[in-house]
Amino acid sequence: MSFTYRAELPLGDHTVLRLASLLIAERQRRGTRSGTRTLSALEQAVMVLRWFCDGTRARQLFKDHGVSRSAGYRCLHEGVAVLAWQAPYLREALMRARIAGYDHVIV
């Protein structure tokens, strides 16, 4: 027996839509044809953010989103990579901290 339930991400719409727009840009950069992905950019963004926020097991995450294991991991890795590309370089982060007046930074 199984029970279905709904959950809500503890994030604002802006966060989900921002990641979705980054994923769309990455798909355009790669030249991905429309309609060839199992998940839309928005569905992929939700899946990636669920993985980060809730720590949902990959197996359950892929089942919930109706994707195979290989497609699921591909989507997760792509989402993580797109987010990582947005992170500032260490030198830039340290300069911003210095300008903001921080004495210490934990990396």
C-alpha atoms as a PDB file:
ATOM      1  CA  MET A   1       0.000   0.000   0.000  1.00  0.00           C
ATOM      2  CA  SER A   2       1.264   3.518  -0.742  1.00  0.00           C
ATOM      3  CA  PHE A   3      -0.001   6.971   0.083  1.00  0.00           C
ATOM      4  CA  THR A   4       0.397  10.045  -2.057  1.00  0.00           C
ATOM      5  CA  TYR A   5       1.043  13.418  -0.475  1.00  0.00           C
ATOM      6  CA  ARG A   6       1.866  16.923  -1.611  1.00  0.00           C
ATOM      7  CA  ALA A   7       4.672  19.061  -0.256  1.00  0.00           C
ATOM      8  CA  GLU A   8       5.762  22.646  -0.647  1.00  0.00           C
ATOM      9  CA  LEU A   9       9.322  23.817  -1.225  1.00  0.00           C
ATOM     10  CA  PRO A  10      10.543  26.287   1.409  1.00  0.00           C
ATOM     11  CA  LEU A  11      11.672  28.645  -1.372  1.00  0.00           C
ATOM     12  CA  GLY A  12      10.168  31.581  -3.168  1.00  0.00           C
ATOM     13  CA  ASP A  13       8.927  31.449  -6.740  1.00  0.00           C
ATOM     14  CA  HIS A  14      11.840  33.668  -7.737  1.00  0.00           C
ATOM     15  CA  THR A  15      14.367  30.961  -6.824  1.00  0.00           C
ATOM     16  CA  VAL A  16      12.613  28.242  -8.810  1.00  0.00           C
ATOM     17  CA  LEU A  17      12.049  30.501 -11.819  1.00  0.00           C
ATOM     18  CA  ARG A  18      15.679  31.713 -11.722  1.00  0.00           C
ATOM     19  CA  LEU A  19      17.016  28.165 -11.836  1.00  0.00           C
ATOM     20  CA  ALA A  20      14.543  27.295 -14.603  1.00  0.00           C
ATOM     21  CA  SER A  21      15.752  30.265 -16.656  1.00  0.00           C
ATOM     22  CA  LEU A  22      19.378  29.189 -16.144  1.00  0.00           C
ATOM     23  CA  LEU A  23      18.473  25.681 -17.302  1.00  0.00           C
ATOM     24  CA  ILE A  24      16.709  27.076 -20.385  1.00  0.00           C
ATOM     25  CA  ALA A  25      19.799  29.135 -21.229  1.00  0.00           C
ATOM     26  CA  GLU A  26      21.993  26.042 -20.816  1.00  0.00           C
ATOM     27  CA  ARG A  27      19.720  24.021 -23.082  1.00  0.00           C
ATOM     28  CA  GLN A  28      19.897  26.763 -25.706  1.00  0.00           C
ATOM     29  CA  ARG A  29      23.695  26.912 -25.359  1.00  0.00           C
ATOM     30  CA  ARG A  30      23.894  23.157 -25.943  1.00  0.00           C
ATOM     31  CA  GLY A  31      21.460  23.329 -28.853  1.00  0.00           C
ATOM     32  CA  THR A  32      18.911  20.990 -27.264  1.00  0.00           C
ATOM     33  CA  ARG A  33      15.846  20.638 -29.469  1.00  0.00           C
ATOM     34  CA  SER A  34      12.528  21.424 -27.812  1.00  0.00           C
ATOM     35  CA  GLY A  35      10.464  18.430 -26.744  1.00  0.00           C
ATOM     36  CA  THR A  36      13.449  16.098 -26.415  1.00  0.00           C
ATOM     37  CA  ARG A  37      13.767  16.255 -22.619  1.00  0.00           C
ATOM     38  CA  THR A  38      11.739  14.165 -20.194  1.00  0.00           C
ATOM     39  CA  LEU A  39      11.292  17.110 -17.823  1.00  0.00           C
ATOM     40  CA  SER A  40      10.606  20.738 -18.637  1.00  0.00           C
ATOM     41  CA  ALA A  41      13.098  23.265 -17.284  1.00  0.00           C
ATOM     42  CA  LEU A  42      10.637  24.184 -14.531  1.00  0.00           C
ATOM     43  CA  GLU A  43      10.098  20.536 -13.506  1.00  0.00           C
ATOM     44  CA  GLN A  44      13.857  19.975 -13.550  1.00  0.00           C
ATOM     45  CA  ALA A  45      14.395  23.063 -11.370  1.00  0.00           C
ATOM     46  CA  VAL A  46      11.872  21.777  -8.839  1.00  0.00           C
ATOM     47  CA  MET A  47      13.551  18.362  -8.787  1.00  0.00           C
ATOM     48  CA  VAL A  48      17.034  19.847  -8.251  1.00  0.00           C
ATOM     49  CA  LEU A  49      15.825  22.181  -5.517  1.00  0.00           C
ATOM     50  CA  ARG A  50      13.968  19.337  -3.779  1.00  0.00           C
ATOM     51  CA  TRP A  51      17.213  17.403  -3.754  1.00  0.00           C
ATOM     52  CA  PHE A  52      19.071  20.337  -2.194  1.00  0.00           C
ATOM     53  CA  CYS A  53      16.400  21.438   0.290  1.00  0.00           C
ATOM     54  CA  ASP A  54      14.814  18.190   1.419  1.00  0.00           C
ATOM     55  CA  GLY A  55      17.637  15.760   0.830  1.00  0.00           C
ATOM     56  CA  THR A  56      15.147  13.478  -0.897  1.00  0.00           C
ATOM     57  CA  ARG A  57      16.714  10.148  -1.848  1.00  0.00           C
ATOM     58  CA  ALA A  58      17.518  10.027  -5.559  1.00  0.00           C
ATOM     59  CA  ARG A  59      15.452   6.901  -6.101  1.00  0.00           C
ATOM     60  CA  GLN A  60      12.322   8.503  -4.641  1.00  0.00           C
ATOM     61  CA  LEU A  61      12.988  11.806  -6.390  1.00  0.00           C
ATOM     62  CA  PHE A  62      13.198  10.167  -9.800  1.00  0.00           C
ATOM     63  CA  LYS A  63      10.077   8.122  -9.140  1.00  0.00           C
ATOM     64  CA  ASP A  64       8.140  11.228  -8.065  1.00  0.00           C
ATOM     65  CA  HIS A  65       9.152  13.061 -11.233  1.00  0.00           C
ATOM     66  CA  GLY A  66       8.609  10.080 -13.525  1.00  0.00           C
ATOM     67  CA  VAL A  67      12.136   9.834 -14.902  1.00  0.00           C
ATOM     68  CA  SER A  68      14.541   6.943 -15.257  1.00  0.00           C
ATOM     69  CA  ARG A  69      17.588   6.732 -13.041  1.00  0.00           C
ATOM     70  CA  SER A  70      19.975   7.741 -15.828  1.00  0.00           C
ATOM     71  CA  ALA A  71      17.809  10.698 -16.918  1.00  0.00           C
ATOM     72  CA  GLY A  72      17.325  11.724 -13.296  1.00  0.00           C
ATOM     73  CA  TYR A  73      21.023  11.799 -12.524  1.00  0.00           C
ATOM     74  CA  ARG A  74      21.685  13.661 -15.766  1.00  0.00           C
ATOM     75  CA  CYS A  75      19.096  16.288 -14.764  1.00  0.00           C
ATOM     76  CA  LEU A  76      20.533  16.593 -11.255  1.00  0.00           C
ATOM     77  CA  HIS A  77      24.112  16.961 -12.481  1.00  0.00           C
ATOM     78  CA  GLU A  78      23.091  19.542 -15.059  1.00  0.00           C
ATOM     79  CA  GLY A  79      21.204  21.544 -12.424  1.00  0.00           C
ATOM     80  CA  VAL A  80      24.097  21.434  -9.969  1.00  0.00           C
ATOM     81  CA  ALA A  81      26.545  22.491 -12.705  1.00  0.00           C
ATOM     82  CA  VAL A  82      24.353  25.413 -13.771  1.00  0.00           C
ATOM     83  CA  LEU A  83      24.169  26.611 -10.163  1.00  0.00           C
ATOM     84  CA  ALA A  84      27.916  26.150  -9.658  1.00  0.00           C
ATOM     85  CA  TRP A  85      28.653  28.337 -12.688  1.00  0.00           C
ATOM     86  CA  GLN A  86      26.816  31.174 -10.934  1.00  0.00           C
ATOM     87  CA  ALA A  87      29.030  31.040  -7.859  1.00  0.00           C
ATOM     88  CA  PRO A  88      31.665  33.778  -7.584  1.00  0.00           C
ATOM     89  CA  TYR A  89      35.336  32.927  -7.640  1.00  0.00           C
ATOM     90  CA  LEU A  90      36.990  32.787  -4.227  1.00  0.00           C
ATOM     91  CA  ARG A  91      39.004  35.952  -4.853  1.00  0.00           C
ATOM     92  CA  GLU A  92      35.853  37.848  -5.833  1.00  0.00           C
ATOM     93  CA  ALA A  93      33.969  36.581  -2.775  1.00  0.00           C
ATOM     94  CA  LEU A  94      36.812  37.645  -0.472  1.00  0.00           C
ATOM     95  CA  MET A  95      36.964  41.104  -2.051  1.00  0.00           C
ATOM     96  CA  ARG A  96      33.204  41.526  -1.608  1.00  0.00           C
ATOM     97  CA  ALA A  97      33.539  40.498   2.055  1.00  0.00           C
ATOM     98  CA  ARG A  98      36.348  43.002   2.571  1.00  0.00           C
ATOM     99  CA  ILE A  99      34.313  45.795   0.943  1.00  0.00           C
ATOM    100  CA  ALA A 100      31.328  44.871   3.117  1.00  0.00           C
ATOM    101  CA  GLY A 101      33.558  45.249   6.175  1.00  0.00           C
ATOM    102  CA  TYR A 102      33.701  41.640   7.354  1.00  0.00           C
ATOM    103  CA  ASP A 103      36.704  40.767   9.531  1.00  0.00           C
ATOM    104  CA  HIS A 104      36.385  37.018   9.027  1.00  0.00           C
ATOM    105  CA  VAL A 105      34.951  34.745   6.350  1.00  0.00           C
ATOM    106  CA  ILE A 106      34.182  31.040   6.707  1.00  0.00           C
ATOM    107  CA  VAL A 107      34.723  29.184   3.454  1.00  0.00           C
END
